[in-house]
Protein backbone atom coordinates (compact mmCIF):
# COMPACT_ATOMS: atom_id res chain seq x y z
CA MET A 1 -7.07 -53.35 -96.77
CA LYS A 2 -5.96 -54.14 -100.30
CA GLU A 3 -6.58 -50.55 -101.34
CA PHE A 4 -4.47 -49.31 -98.43
CA ILE A 5 -1.51 -51.48 -99.47
CA VAL A 6 -1.82 -50.40 -103.11
CA ASN A 7 -1.87 -46.73 -102.08
CA LEU A 8 1.08 -47.28 -99.76
CA PHE A 9 3.21 -48.74 -102.54
CA LYS A 10 2.10 -45.98 -104.90
CA ASN A 11 3.18 -43.36 -102.35
CA ILE A 12 6.53 -45.08 -101.89
CA LYS A 13 7.01 -45.19 -105.66
CA ASP A 14 6.20 -41.47 -105.96
CA PHE A 15 8.54 -40.65 -103.08
CA TRP A 16 11.35 -42.62 -104.73
CA LYS A 17 10.87 -40.81 -108.04
CA ALA A 18 10.99 -37.42 -106.34
CA TYR A 19 14.05 -38.04 -104.17
CA LYS A 20 16.06 -40.52 -106.24
CA LYS A 21 18.63 -37.97 -107.35
CA LYS A 22 18.76 -36.29 -103.95
CA LEU A 23 19.35 -39.57 -102.11
CA LEU A 24 21.02 -41.97 -104.50
CA ILE A 25 23.74 -39.74 -105.95
CA PRO A 26 25.21 -38.60 -102.59
CA ILE A 27 25.16 -42.17 -101.29
CA LEU A 28 26.99 -43.42 -104.38
CA GLU A 29 29.51 -40.57 -104.12
CA LEU A 30 30.18 -41.47 -100.50
CA LEU A 31 30.63 -45.14 -101.33
CA GLY A 32 33.01 -44.19 -104.15
CA LEU A 33 35.05 -42.01 -101.81
CA ILE A 34 35.27 -44.83 -99.26
CA ILE A 35 36.45 -47.28 -101.91
CA VAL A 36 39.11 -44.85 -103.16
CA CYS A 37 40.36 -44.30 -99.60
CA VAL A 38 40.55 -48.03 -98.94
CA VAL A 39 42.56 -48.61 -102.10
CA LEU A 40 44.93 -45.73 -101.32
CA VAL A 41 45.52 -46.97 -97.79
CA ARG A 42 46.32 -50.45 -99.09
CA LEU A 43 48.73 -49.12 -101.71
CA ILE A 44 50.49 -46.56 -99.51
CA GLY A 45 50.37 -48.26 -96.11
CA GLY A 46 51.48 -51.73 -97.03
CA HIS A 47 50.33 -54.90 -95.34
CA GLU A 48 52.27 -54.91 -92.08
CA THR A 49 50.35 -56.10 -89.04
CA LEU A 50 51.15 -55.34 -85.42
CA ALA A 51 52.68 -58.81 -85.05
CA ASP A 52 54.96 -58.15 -88.04
CA TYR A 53 56.06 -54.84 -86.57
CA ALA A 54 56.75 -56.43 -83.19
CA SER A 55 58.89 -59.16 -84.75
CA LYS A 56 60.89 -56.59 -86.77
CA HIS A 57 61.33 -54.15 -83.84
CA PRO A 58 61.31 -56.16 -80.60
CA ASP A 59 63.28 -53.51 -78.69
CA ILE A 60 60.55 -50.91 -79.33
CA ALA A 61 57.56 -53.23 -79.20
CA TYR A 62 58.43 -54.93 -75.92
CA SER A 63 60.08 -51.99 -74.18
CA SER A 64 58.92 -51.31 -70.63
CA ASP A 65 60.16 -47.71 -70.73
CA THR A 66 57.10 -45.77 -71.88
CA ALA A 67 56.54 -42.06 -71.76
CA ASN A 68 53.33 -41.33 -69.88
CA THR A 69 52.17 -37.92 -71.05
CA SER A 70 49.25 -37.79 -68.62
CA ASP A 71 51.67 -37.43 -65.67
CA ALA A 72 53.60 -34.59 -67.31
CA LYS A 73 52.93 -31.11 -65.97
């Protein structure tokens, strides 16, 4: 049993060496892209919540006259 576990960890180590660049680099690039997008959204979009918008524009936020596009022909 001990030999099986040792071989298992050796195989995992060999797999990691072979695919480290193929797996790790794209994952890090994706994480970097997500972080950049989050920062850009925060800088460009501001920090207004739906409650803030409703308090600034009550006529639009609480209007009962809505356009229902699913009924349009």
